[in-house]
Amino acid sequence: MTASRPHALFSFGTLMDERVQTALFGQAVPTAPASLSGYTTRPIAITDESVIATSGLDVHLTLEREYGAVVEGAMLRLTDQDLAAADAYEVDDYVRRRVLLSSGESAWAYLDAKPLRPAARIVIVGDSIAYGRCDPRGGWAARLAATHIAGNEAEHRVFNLAIPGSTLAQAAEQTPALLGPRLPDTLLVAAGINDSAVPLSAPEDHHDGLARIADGLRSLAATALAHNARLVVVGPVWLDEERTRDYGGLRFTKERALALRESVRTWCRENHIDFLDMWEPLYEKTDLLVDGLHPAADGHEALYQHLTALGG
């Protein structure tokens, strides 16, 4: 019986080599020409001796975003076992993520493990923390924009579309109409803390926002893929529960924020989506929070430094 090959994997490098396929999968696999728009390649040094022995090369390629560019490669049809072998072969500089081929078909591809490093055009959606409330400099998002655009003023763009008070469901509903004219290659989602809040007026009637986290993330993932953009989810920041017990009629607690963090992280891991954990930079540093929830300027600087270290 022929093994089922349910997985489409776009290769632009050594996995197209039949010798590498034979070493990894035991045989050459079904392959067809394919291309990936909006990307270019750059070399990356390989130090893993087993990978070098398999490919015969100590320099491989990685993908980088470039509007209007096209990478020619091949689409491989893989079994579950093949895909696991490919995952084991790729070094830690790569992660497997969904891309949209020029043909319109979705496929796996191995991308840079640091999701912001290859980005060119970034759209940010989220809540008041992503918006930069309480920081005259515009928060971590404005710092990211300044650095990113300075790196390539002609090609790099950052659009901060965060709306204070947004939940993940609201971000998922509003985002599709916003992306088209901005031509994003990266969708950075920093929302969710509002899903964890409980109204003080009627806590027993509150529909549990945490139960809807997956729905919002699934919708955002589909939106990102439709635009051939990489979804990057930014986790919640630490909050000072003693100062947020009654915030505009809402109650924010560390317990629910941690549940949100774990829920988002688990979903991202299971669905091969990038998750950048932002909990630690402000942990128990209440002086970096203006009101127990929103970071002050120094808090946003700490978040920015942490984000760029994780994301590239």
C-alpha atoms as a PDB file:
ATOM      1  CA  MET A   1       0.000   0.000   0.000  1.00  0.00           C
ATOM      2  CA  THR A   2       1.321   3.474  -0.907  1.00  0.00           C
ATOM      3  CA  ALA A   3       1.907   5.660   2.127  1.00  0.00           C
ATOM      4  CA  SER A   4      -0.399   8.669   2.391  1.00  0.00           C
ATOM      5  CA  ARG A   5       1.413  11.937   1.634  1.00  0.00           C
ATOM      6  CA  PRO A   6      -0.896  14.594   3.081  1.00  0.00           C
ATOM      7  CA  HIS A   7       1.721  17.289   3.683  1.00  0.00           C
ATOM      8  CA  ALA A   8       2.815  19.855   1.101  1.00  0.00           C
ATOM      9  CA  LEU A   9       6.239  21.307   1.914  1.00  0.00           C
ATOM     10  CA  PHE A  10       7.833  24.105  -0.112  1.00  0.00           C
ATOM     11  CA  SER A  11      11.596  23.675  -0.421  1.00  0.00           C
ATOM     12  CA  PHE A  12      14.007  26.274  -1.725  1.00  0.00           C
ATOM     13  CA  GLY A  13      17.240  24.568  -0.748  1.00  0.00           C
ATOM     14  CA  THR A  14      18.778  21.247   0.193  1.00  0.00           C
ATOM     15  CA  LEU A  15      15.507  19.351   0.621  1.00  0.00           C
ATOM     16  CA  MET A  16      15.132  19.460  -3.160  1.00  0.00           C
ATOM     17  CA  ASP A  17      18.264  17.317  -3.485  1.00  0.00           C
ATOM     18  CA  GLU A  18      17.343  13.649  -4.056  1.00  0.00           C
ATOM     19  CA  ARG A  19      20.407  12.544  -2.089  1.00  0.00           C
ATOM     20  CA  VAL A  20      19.162  14.515   0.932  1.00  0.00           C
ATOM     21  CA  GLN A  21      15.648  13.126   0.456  1.00  0.00           C
ATOM     22  CA  THR A  22      16.977   9.578   0.343  1.00  0.00           C
ATOM     23  CA  ALA A  23      19.040  10.147   3.482  1.00  0.00           C
ATOM     24  CA  LEU A  24      16.066  11.591   5.371  1.00  0.00           C
ATOM     25  CA  PHE A  25      13.054   9.753   3.941  1.00  0.00           C
ATOM     26  CA  GLY A  26      14.599   6.554   2.579  1.00  0.00           C
ATOM     27  CA  GLN A  27      13.733   7.469  -0.992  1.00  0.00           C
ATOM     28  CA  ALA A  28      13.096  10.394  -3.307  1.00  0.00           C
ATOM     29  CA  VAL A  29       9.631  11.880  -2.719  1.00  0.00           C
ATOM     30  CA  PRO A  30       7.013  13.245  -5.153  1.00  0.00           C
ATOM     31  CA  THR A  31       8.137  16.728  -6.164  1.00  0.00           C
ATOM     32  CA  ALA A  32       6.736  19.465  -8.428  1.00  0.00           C
ATOM     33  CA  PRO A  33       8.041  22.932  -9.354  1.00  0.00           C
ATOM     34  CA  ALA A  34       6.610  25.714  -7.182  1.00  0.00           C
ATOM     35  CA  SER A  35       7.302  29.328  -6.337  1.00  0.00           C
ATOM     36  CA  LEU A  36       6.798  31.623  -3.351  1.00  0.00           C
ATOM     37  CA  SER A  37       6.031  35.295  -3.934  1.00  0.00           C
ATOM     38  CA  GLY A  38       7.084  38.109  -1.605  1.00  0.00           C
ATOM     39  CA  TYR A  39      10.300  36.426  -0.527  1.00  0.00           C
ATOM     40  CA  THR A  40      13.961  36.354  -1.408  1.00  0.00           C
ATOM     41  CA  THR A  41      16.766  34.231   0.056  1.00  0.00           C
ATOM     42  CA  ARG A  42      19.962  34.883   1.962  1.00  0.00           C
ATOM     43  CA  PRO A  43      22.728  32.505   3.035  1.00  0.00           C
ATOM     44  CA  ILE A  44      22.993  31.125   6.555  1.00  0.00           C
ATOM     45  CA  ALA A  45      26.001  29.338   8.036  1.00  0.00           C
ATOM     46  CA  ILE A  46      25.397  25.783   9.299  1.00  0.00           C
ATOM     47  CA  THR A  47      27.492  24.402  12.151  1.00  0.00           C
ATOM     48  CA  ASP A  48      25.616  21.156  12.895  1.00  0.00           C
ATOM     49  CA  GLU A  49      27.963  18.424  11.659  1.00  0.00           C
ATOM     50  CA  SER A  50      25.181  15.910  11.007  1.00  0.00           C
ATOM     51  CA  VAL A  51      23.312  18.384   8.808  1.00  0.00           C
ATOM     52  CA  ILE A  52      26.507  19.249   6.932  1.00  0.00           C
ATOM     53  CA  ALA A  53      27.193  15.539   6.416  1.00  0.00           C
ATOM     54  CA  THR A  54      23.692  14.987   5.004  1.00  0.00           C
ATOM     55  CA  SER A  55      23.605  18.009   2.691  1.00  0.00           C
ATOM     56  CA  GLY A  56      27.307  18.290   1.879  1.00  0.00           C
ATOM     57  CA  LEU A  57      27.069  22.034   2.507  1.00  0.00           C
ATOM     58  CA  ASP A  58      27.960  24.285   5.421  1.00  0.00           C
ATOM     59  CA  VAL A  59      25.959  27.199   4.005  1.00  0.00           C
ATOM     60  CA  HIS A  60      22.216  26.840   3.430  1.00  0.00           C
ATOM     61  CA  LEU A  61      19.556  29.379   2.483  1.00  0.00           C
ATOM     62  CA  THR A  62      16.898  31.102   4.561  1.00  0.00           C
ATOM     63  CA  LEU A  63      13.959  33.224   3.467  1.00  0.00           C
ATOM     64  CA  GLU A  64      13.661  36.984   3.807  1.00  0.00           C
ATOM     65  CA  ARG A  65      10.710  39.190   2.907  1.00  0.00           C
ATOM     66  CA  GLU A  66      10.915  41.401  -0.169  1.00  0.00           C
ATOM     67  CA  TYR A  67       7.835  42.803  -1.851  1.00  0.00           C
ATOM     68  CA  GLY A  68       7.714  41.857  -5.534  1.00  0.00           C
ATOM     69  CA  ALA A  69      10.392  39.155  -5.292  1.00  0.00           C
ATOM     70  CA  VAL A  70       9.827  35.465  -6.045  1.00  0.00           C
ATOM     71  CA  VAL A  71      11.692  32.383  -4.818  1.00  0.00           C
ATOM     72  CA  GLU A  72      11.651  29.407  -7.173  1.00  0.00           C
ATOM     73  CA  GLY A  73      11.681  25.994  -5.570  1.00  0.00           C
ATOM     74  CA  ALA A  74       9.743  22.781  -5.351  1.00  0.00           C
ATOM     75  CA  MET A  75       6.739  21.418  -3.508  1.00  0.00           C
ATOM     76  CA  LEU A  76       7.408  18.083  -1.814  1.00  0.00           C
ATOM     77  CA  ARG A  77       4.647  15.668  -0.876  1.00  0.00           C
ATOM     78  CA  LEU A  78       5.462  14.113   2.490  1.00  0.00           C
ATOM     79  CA  THR A  79       4.071  11.528   4.868  1.00  0.00           C
ATOM     80  CA  ASP A  80       3.769  12.198   8.589  1.00  0.00           C
ATOM     81  CA  GLN A  81       7.061  10.354   9.096  1.00  0.00           C
ATOM     82  CA  ASP A  82       8.757  12.336   6.326  1.00  0.00           C
ATOM     83  CA  LEU A  83       7.667  15.619   7.848  1.00  0.00           C
ATOM     84  CA  ALA A  84       8.978  14.588  11.261  1.00  0.00           C
ATOM     85  CA  ALA A  85      12.312  13.664   9.648  1.00  0.00           C
ATOM     86  CA  ALA A  86      12.454  17.039   7.903  1.00  0.00           C
ATOM     87  CA  ASP A  87      11.758  18.799  11.219  1.00  0.00           C
ATOM     88  CA  ALA A  88      14.631  16.904  12.844  1.00  0.00           C
ATOM     89  CA  TYR A  89      16.967  17.750   9.957  1.00  0.00           C
ATOM     90  CA  GLU A  90      16.407  21.505  10.072  1.00  0.00           C
ATOM     91  CA  VAL A  91      18.609  23.322  12.596  1.00  0.00           C
ATOM     92  CA  ASP A  92      17.343  25.653  15.314  1.00  0.00           C
ATOM     93  CA  ASP A  93      17.652  28.658  12.989  1.00  0.00           C
ATOM     94  CA  TYR A  94      14.502  27.430  11.219  1.00  0.00           C
ATOM     95  CA  VAL A  95      10.895  26.831  12.232  1.00  0.00           C
ATOM     96  CA  ARG A  96       8.109  25.262  10.178  1.00  0.00           C
ATOM     97  CA  ARG A  97       5.324  27.699   9.288  1.00  0.00           C
ATOM     98  CA  ARG A  98       2.488  27.981   6.777  1.00  0.00           C
ATOM     99  CA  VAL A  99       3.015  29.992   3.582  1.00  0.00           C
ATOM    100  CA  LEU A 100       0.860  30.719   0.542  1.00  0.00           C
ATOM    101  CA  LEU A 101       2.464  29.611  -2.713  1.00  0.00           C
ATOM    102  CA  SER A 102       2.165  31.633  -5.923  1.00  0.00           C
ATOM    103  CA  SER A 103      -0.319  28.996  -7.110  1.00  0.00           C
ATOM    104  CA  GLY A 104      -2.622  29.854  -4.205  1.00  0.00           C
ATOM    105  CA  GLU A 105      -1.974  26.563  -2.410  1.00  0.00           C
ATOM    106  CA  SER A 106      -0.992  26.564   1.247  1.00  0.00           C
ATOM    107  CA  ALA A 107       2.175  24.680   2.170  1.00  0.00           C
ATOM    108  CA  TRP A 108       4.682  24.300   4.962  1.00  0.00           C
ATOM    109  CA  ALA A 109       8.053  26.012   4.666  1.00  0.00           C
ATOM    110  CA  TYR A 110      11.029  26.415   6.975  1.00  0.00           C
ATOM    111  CA  LEU A 111      11.369  30.076   7.931  1.00  0.00           C
ATOM    112  CA  ASP A 112      13.725  32.089  10.108  1.00  0.00           C
ATOM    113  CA  ALA A 113      13.196  31.110  13.744  1.00  0.00           C
ATOM    114  CA  LYS A 114      13.210  34.783  14.746  1.00  0.00           C
ATOM    115  CA  PRO A 115      10.030  36.027  13.086  1.00  0.00           C
ATOM    116  CA  LEU A 116      10.776  39.765  12.991  1.00  0.00           C
ATOM    117  CA  ARG A 117      14.287  39.397  11.552  1.00  0.00           C
ATOM    118  CA  PRO A 118      13.163  38.680   7.958  1.00  0.00           C
ATOM    119  CA  ALA A 119      10.145  41.023   8.080  1.00  0.00           C
ATOM    120  CA  ALA A 120       9.787  44.080   5.882  1.00  0.00           C
ATOM    121  CA  ARG A 121       6.196  45.335   6.217  1.00  0.00           C
ATOM    122  CA  ILE A 122       4.697  44.821   9.682  1.00  0.00           C
ATOM    123  CA  VAL A 123       1.093  45.469  10.728  1.00  0.00           C
ATOM    124  CA  ILE A 124       0.420  45.611  14.477  1.00  0.00           C
ATOM    125  CA  VAL A 125      -3.074  45.016  15.847  1.00  0.00           C
ATOM    126  CA  GLY A 126      -3.905  44.910  19.507  1.00  0.00           C
ATOM    127  CA  ASP A 127      -5.069  46.776  22.574  1.00  0.00           C
ATOM    128  CA  SER A 128      -4.057  49.855  24.569  1.00  0.00           C
ATOM    129  CA  ILE A 129      -0.647  48.445  25.521  1.00  0.00           C
ATOM    130  CA  ALA A 130       0.233  47.865  21.871  1.00  0.00           C
ATOM    131  CA  TYR A 131      -1.249  51.295  21.102  1.00  0.00           C
ATOM    132  CA  GLY A 132       1.259  52.845  23.512  1.00  0.00           C
ATOM    133  CA  ARG A 133      -1.078  54.357  26.064  1.00  0.00           C
ATOM    134  CA  CYS A 134       0.684  56.143  28.957  1.00  0.00           C
ATOM    135  CA  ASP A 135       3.901  56.609  26.977  1.00  0.00           C
ATOM    136  CA  PRO A 136       4.413  59.884  25.055  1.00  0.00           C
ATOM    137  CA  ARG A 137       6.878  58.071  22.790  1.00  0.00           C
ATOM    138  CA  GLY A 138       4.213  55.659  21.580  1.00  0.00           C
ATOM    139  CA  GLY A 139       5.189  52.543  23.516  1.00  0.00           C
ATOM    140  CA  TRP A 140       7.125  49.492  22.434  1.00  0.00           C
ATOM    141  CA  ALA A 141       5.426  49.533  19.038  1.00  0.00           C
ATOM    142  CA  ALA A 142       6.760  52.999  18.197  1.00  0.00           C
ATOM    143  CA  ARG A 143      10.260  51.989  19.266  1.00  0.00           C
ATOM    144  CA  LEU A 144      10.035  48.898  17.076  1.00  0.00           C
ATOM    145  CA  ALA A 145       8.836  51.015  14.150  1.00  0.00           C
ATOM    146  CA  ALA A 146      11.673  53.505  14.503  1.00  0.00           C
ATOM    147  CA  THR A 147      14.361  50.823  14.561  1.00  0.00           C
ATOM    148  CA  HIS A 148      12.792  48.711  11.843  1.00  0.00           C
ATOM    149  CA  ILE A 149      12.298  51.573   9.400  1.00  0.00           C
ATOM    150  CA  ALA A 150      15.782  52.930  10.076  1.00  0.00           C
ATOM    151  CA  GLY A 151      17.154  49.560   8.991  1.00  0.00           C
ATOM    152  CA  ASN A 152      15.822  50.040   5.462  1.00  0.00           C
ATOM    153  CA  GLU A 153      13.936  53.292   5.003  1.00  0.00           C
ATOM    154  CA  ALA A 154      12.999  52.522   1.409  1.00  0.00           C
ATOM    155  CA  GLU A 155      11.436  49.104   2.007  1.00  0.00           C
ATOM    156  CA  HIS A 156      10.537  48.728   5.687  1.00  0.00           C
ATOM    157  CA  ARG A 157       7.200  49.841   7.085  1.00  0.00           C
ATOM    158  CA  VAL A 158       5.338  49.448  10.383  1.00  0.00           C
ATOM    159  CA  PHE A 159       1.623  50.217  10.696  1.00  0.00           C
ATOM    160  CA  ASN A 160       0.309  50.332  14.268  1.00  0.00           C
ATOM    161  CA  LEU A 161      -3.446  49.746  14.062  1.00  0.00           C
ATOM    162  CA  ALA A 162      -3.966  48.846  17.728  1.00  0.00           C
ATOM    163  CA  ILE A 163      -7.186  50.082  19.334  1.00  0.00           C
ATOM    164  CA  PRO A 164      -7.418  50.547  23.138  1.00  0.00           C
ATOM    165  CA  GLY A 165      -9.907  48.172  24.703  1.00  0.00           C
ATOM    166  CA  SER A 166      -9.786  45.617  21.883  1.00  0.00           C
ATOM    167  CA  THR A 167     -10.308  41.945  22.543  1.00  0.00           C
ATOM    168  CA  LEU A 168      -8.910  39.228  20.304  1.00  0.00           C
ATOM    169  CA  ALA A 169     -12.369  38.709  18.814  1.00  0.00           C
ATOM    170  CA  GLN A 170     -12.614  42.390  17.927  1.00  0.00           C
ATOM    171  CA  ALA A 171      -9.113  42.411  16.468  1.00  0.00           C
ATOM    172  CA  ALA A 172      -9.982  39.354  14.382  1.00  0.00           C
ATOM    173  CA  GLU A 173     -13.148  41.026  13.097  1.00  0.00           C
ATOM    174  CA  GLN A 174     -11.525  44.369  12.272  1.00  0.00           C
ATOM    175  CA  THR A 175      -8.221  43.206  10.796  1.00  0.00           C
ATOM    176  CA  PRO A 176      -9.182  41.743   7.379  1.00  0.00           C
ATOM    177  CA  ALA A 177     -10.342  45.094   5.997  1.00  0.00           C
ATOM    178  CA  LEU A 178      -7.176  46.831   7.198  1.00  0.00           C
ATOM    179  CA  LEU A 179      -4.510  44.658   5.605  1.00  0.00           C
ATOM    180  CA  GLY A 180      -5.044  44.959   1.858  1.00  0.00           C
ATOM    181  CA  PRO A 181      -3.685  48.460   1.195  1.00  0.00           C
ATOM    182  CA  ARG A 182      -0.771  47.991   3.595  1.00  0.00           C
ATOM    183  CA  LEU A 183       0.646  44.902   1.872  1.00  0.00           C
ATOM    184  CA  PRO A 184       1.875  43.278   5.096  1.00  0.00           C
ATOM    185  CA  ASP A 185       4.255  40.359   5.239  1.00  0.00           C
ATOM    186  CA  THR A 186       4.005  40.118   9.043  1.00  0.00           C
ATOM    187  CA  LEU A 187       0.909  40.445  11.241  1.00  0.00           C
ATOM    188  CA  LEU A 188       1.893  41.150  14.845  1.00  0.00           C
ATOM    189  CA  VAL A 189      -1.018  40.542  17.226  1.00  0.00           C
ATOM    190  CA  ALA A 190      -0.747  41.970  20.730  1.00  0.00           C
ATOM    191  CA  ALA A 191      -4.208  41.572  22.186  1.00  0.00           C
ATOM    192  CA  GLY A 192      -6.031  39.405  24.658  1.00  0.00           C
ATOM    193  CA  ILE A 193      -5.623  40.932  28.107  1.00  0.00           C
ATOM    194  CA  ASN A 194      -9.103  42.423  27.742  1.00  0.00           C
ATOM    195  CA  ASP A 195     -10.460  38.914  27.148  1.00  0.00           C
ATOM    196  CA  SER A 196      -9.269  38.025  30.638  1.00  0.00           C
ATOM    197  CA  ALA A 197     -11.085  40.916  32.342  1.00  0.00           C
ATOM    198  CA  VAL A 198     -14.272  40.374  34.355  1.00  0.00           C
ATOM    199  CA  PRO A 199     -16.903  43.151  34.644  1.00  0.00           C
ATOM    200  CA  LEU A 200     -17.345  44.082  38.296  1.00  0.00           C
ATOM    201  CA  SER A 201     -21.010  44.906  37.741  1.00  0.00           C
ATOM    202  CA  ALA A 202     -22.053  41.355  36.798  1.00  0.00           C
ATOM    203  CA  PRO A 203     -19.198  38.882  37.125  1.00  0.00           C
ATOM    204  CA  GLU A 204     -21.547  35.896  37.284  1.00  0.00           C
ATOM    205  CA  ASP A 205     -22.972  36.779  33.844  1.00  0.00           C
ATOM    206  CA  HIS A 206     -19.636  37.295  32.211  1.00  0.00           C
ATOM    207  CA  HIS A 207     -19.052  35.090  29.198  1.00  0.00           C
ATOM    208  CA  ASP A 208     -15.604  33.632  29.678  1.00  0.00           C
ATOM    209  CA  GLY A 209     -13.380  35.402  27.174  1.00  0.00           C
ATOM    210  CA  LEU A 210     -10.658  32.789  27.610  1.00  0.00           C
ATOM    211  CA  ALA A 211     -12.911  30.198  26.001  1.00  0.00           C
ATOM    212  CA  ARG A 212     -12.970  32.270  22.814  1.00  0.00           C
ATOM    213  CA  ILE A 213      -9.222  32.809  22.518  1.00  0.00           C
ATOM    214  CA  ALA A 214      -8.760  29.972  20.023  1.00  0.00           C
ATOM    215  CA  ASP A 215     -11.560  31.302  17.806  1.00  0.00           C
ATOM    216  CA  GLY A 216      -9.927  34.716  17.540  1.00  0.00           C
ATOM    217  CA  LEU A 217      -6.495  33.250  16.891  1.00  0.00           C
ATOM    218  CA  ARG A 218      -7.812  30.876  14.220  1.00  0.00           C
ATOM    219  CA  SER A 219      -9.465  33.789  12.447  1.00  0.00           C
ATOM    220  CA  LEU A 220      -6.319  35.923  12.618  1.00  0.00           C
ATOM    221  CA  ALA A 221      -4.206  33.013  11.342  1.00  0.00           C
ATOM    222  CA  ALA A 222      -6.518  32.582   8.354  1.00  0.00           C
ATOM    223  CA  THR A 223      -6.420  36.314   7.643  1.00  0.00           C
ATOM    224  CA  ALA A 224      -2.634  36.406   7.803  1.00  0.00           C
ATOM    225  CA  LEU A 225      -2.261  33.399   5.500  1.00  0.00           C
ATOM    226  CA  ALA A 226      -4.693  34.882   2.974  1.00  0.00           C
ATOM    227  CA  HIS A 227      -2.299  37.847   2.682  1.00  0.00           C
ATOM    228  CA  ASN A 228       0.781  35.589   2.694  1.00  0.00           C
ATOM    229  CA  ALA A 229       1.748  37.243   5.977  1.00  0.00           C
ATOM    230  CA  ARG A 230       3.361  35.560   8.964  1.00  0.00           C
ATOM    231  CA  LEU A 231       1.288  35.649  12.151  1.00  0.00           C
ATOM    232  CA  VAL A 232       3.264  36.567  15.266  1.00  0.00           C
ATOM    233  CA  VAL A 233       1.404  36.593  18.588  1.00  0.00           C
ATOM    234  CA  VAL A 234       2.702  38.689  21.479  1.00  0.00           C
ATOM    235  CA  GLY A 235       1.780  37.317  24.897  1.00  0.00           C
ATOM    236  CA  PRO A 236       0.384  39.368  27.807  1.00  0.00           C
ATOM    237  CA  VAL A 237       2.585  41.421  30.113  1.00  0.00           C
ATOM    238  CA  TRP A 238       2.731  41.072  33.878  1.00  0.00           C
ATOM    239  CA  LEU A 239       0.201  43.154  35.803  1.00  0.00           C
ATOM    240  CA  ASP A 240       0.015  44.378  39.390  1.00  0.00           C
ATOM    241  CA  GLU A 241      -3.209  42.843  40.612  1.00  0.00           C
ATOM    242  CA  GLU A 242      -3.336  45.018  43.733  1.00  0.00           C
ATOM    243  CA  ARG A 243      -3.650  48.125  41.559  1.00  0.00           C
ATOM    244  CA  THR A 244      -6.030  46.763  38.925  1.00  0.00           C
ATOM    245  CA  ARG A 245      -8.851  45.440  41.075  1.00  0.00           C
ATOM    246  CA  ASP A 246     -11.255  48.089  39.785  1.00  0.00           C
ATOM    247  CA  TYR A 247     -10.088  49.428  36.473  1.00  0.00           C
ATOM    248  CA  GLY A 248     -12.876  51.185  34.615  1.00  0.00           C
ATOM    249  CA  GLY A 249     -15.408  48.716  35.942  1.00  0.00           C
ATOM    250  CA  LEU A 250     -13.230  45.730  35.078  1.00  0.00           C
ATOM    251  CA  ARG A 251     -11.245  43.371  37.241  1.00  0.00           C
ATOM    252  CA  PHE A 252      -7.858  42.133  36.015  1.00  0.00           C
ATOM    253  CA  THR A 253      -6.130  39.376  37.960  1.00  0.00           C
ATOM    254  CA  LYS A 254      -2.788  37.680  37.678  1.00  0.00           C
ATOM    255  CA  GLU A 255      -4.494  34.265  37.723  1.00  0.00           C
ATOM    256  CA  ARG A 256      -6.570  35.025  34.651  1.00  0.00           C
ATOM    257  CA  ALA A 257      -3.687  36.767  32.894  1.00  0.00           C
ATOM    258  CA  LEU A 258      -1.533  33.675  33.423  1.00  0.00           C
ATOM    259  CA  ALA A 259      -4.357  31.460  32.153  1.00  0.00           C
ATOM    260  CA  LEU A 260      -4.542  33.670  29.075  1.00  0.00           C
ATOM    261  CA  ARG A 261      -0.787  33.435  28.592  1.00  0.00           C
ATOM    262  CA  GLU A 262      -0.827  29.649  28.769  1.00  0.00           C
ATOM    263  CA  SER A 263      -3.879  29.344  26.543  1.00  0.00           C
ATOM    264  CA  VAL A 264      -2.315  31.492  23.803  1.00  0.00           C
ATOM    265  CA  ARG A 265       1.097  29.851  24.091  1.00  0.00           C
ATOM    266  CA  THR A 266      -0.416  26.348  23.859  1.00  0.00           C
ATOM    267  CA  TRP A 267      -2.535  27.235  20.839  1.00  0.00           C
ATOM    268  CA  CYS A 268       0.440  28.773  19.050  1.00  0.00           C
ATOM    269  CA  ARG A 269       2.647  25.767  19.738  1.00  0.00           C
ATOM    270  CA  GLU A 270       0.013  23.303  18.532  1.00  0.00           C
ATOM    271  CA  ASN A 271      -0.645  25.313  15.366  1.00  0.00           C
ATOM    272  CA  HIS A 272       2.951  26.235  14.468  1.00  0.00           C
ATOM    273  CA  ILE A 273       2.442  29.954  15.075  1.00  0.00           C
ATOM    274  CA  ASP A 274       5.105  32.252  16.517  1.00  0.00           C
ATOM    275  CA  PHE A 275       4.539  33.231  20.158  1.00  0.00           C
ATOM    276  CA  LEU A 276       6.657  35.926  21.812  1.00  0.00           C
ATOM    277  CA  ASP A 277       6.287  35.734  25.605  1.00  0.00           C
ATOM    278  CA  MET A 278       6.256  39.226  27.166  1.00  0.00           C
ATOM    279  CA  TRP A 279       5.529  38.278  30.791  1.00  0.00           C
ATOM    280  CA  GLU A 280       9.012  38.415  32.278  1.00  0.00           C
ATOM    281  CA  PRO A 281      10.300  41.962  31.452  1.00  0.00           C
ATOM    282  CA  LEU A 282       7.861  43.630  33.881  1.00  0.00           C
ATOM    283  CA  TYR A 283       7.506  40.774  36.364  1.00  0.00           C
ATOM    284  CA  GLU A 284       7.084  42.239  39.877  1.00  0.00           C
ATOM    285  CA  LYS A 285       8.406  45.614  38.657  1.00  0.00           C
ATOM    286  CA  THR A 286       5.389  47.621  39.675  1.00  0.00           C
ATOM    287  CA  ASP A 287       7.320  50.878  39.295  1.00  0.00           C
ATOM    288  CA  LEU A 288       7.351  50.266  35.522  1.00  0.00           C
ATOM    289  CA  LEU A 289       3.529  50.353  35.433  1.00  0.00           C
ATOM    290  CA  VAL A 290       1.534  53.577  35.539  1.00  0.00           C
ATOM    291  CA  ASP A 291      -1.686  52.096  36.894  1.00  0.00           C
ATOM    292  CA  GLY A 292      -0.883  48.459  37.486  1.00  0.00           C
ATOM    293  CA  LEU A 293      -1.797  47.568  33.902  1.00  0.00           C
ATOM    294  CA  HIS A 294      -0.272  50.027  31.419  1.00  0.00           C
ATOM    295  CA  PRO A 295       3.527  50.300  31.237  1.00  0.00           C
ATOM    296  CA  ALA A 296       5.210  53.649  31.745  1.00  0.00           C
ATOM    297  CA  ALA A 297       7.867  54.799  29.258  1.00  0.00           C
ATOM    298  CA  ASP A 298      10.557  52.736  31.014  1.00  0.00           C
ATOM    299  CA  GLY A 299       8.258  49.726  30.988  1.00  0.00           C
ATOM    300  CA  HIS A 300       7.698  50.058  27.257  1.00  0.00           C
ATOM    301  CA  GLU A 301      11.441  50.315  26.738  1.00  0.00           C
ATOM    302  CA  ALA A 302      11.909  47.054  28.660  1.00  0.00           C
ATOM    303  CA  LEU A 303       9.205  45.394  26.548  1.00  0.00           C
ATOM    304  CA  TYR A 304      10.792  46.660  23.329  1.00  0.00           C
ATOM    305  CA  GLN A 305      14.220  45.323  24.263  1.00  0.00           C
ATOM    306  CA  HIS A 306      12.720  41.955  25.168  1.00  0.00           C
ATOM    307  CA  LEU A 307      10.618  41.811  21.989  1.00  0.00           C
ATOM    308  CA  THR A 308      13.531  42.523  19.702  1.00  0.00           C
ATOM    309  CA  ALA A 309      15.715  39.959  21.486  1.00  0.00           C
ATOM    310  CA  LEU A 310      13.032  37.278  21.010  1.00  0.00           C
ATOM    311  CA  GLY A 311      11.797  38.314  17.597  1.00  0.00           C
ATOM    312  CA  GLY A 312      15.019  39.275  15.901  1.00  0.00           C
END
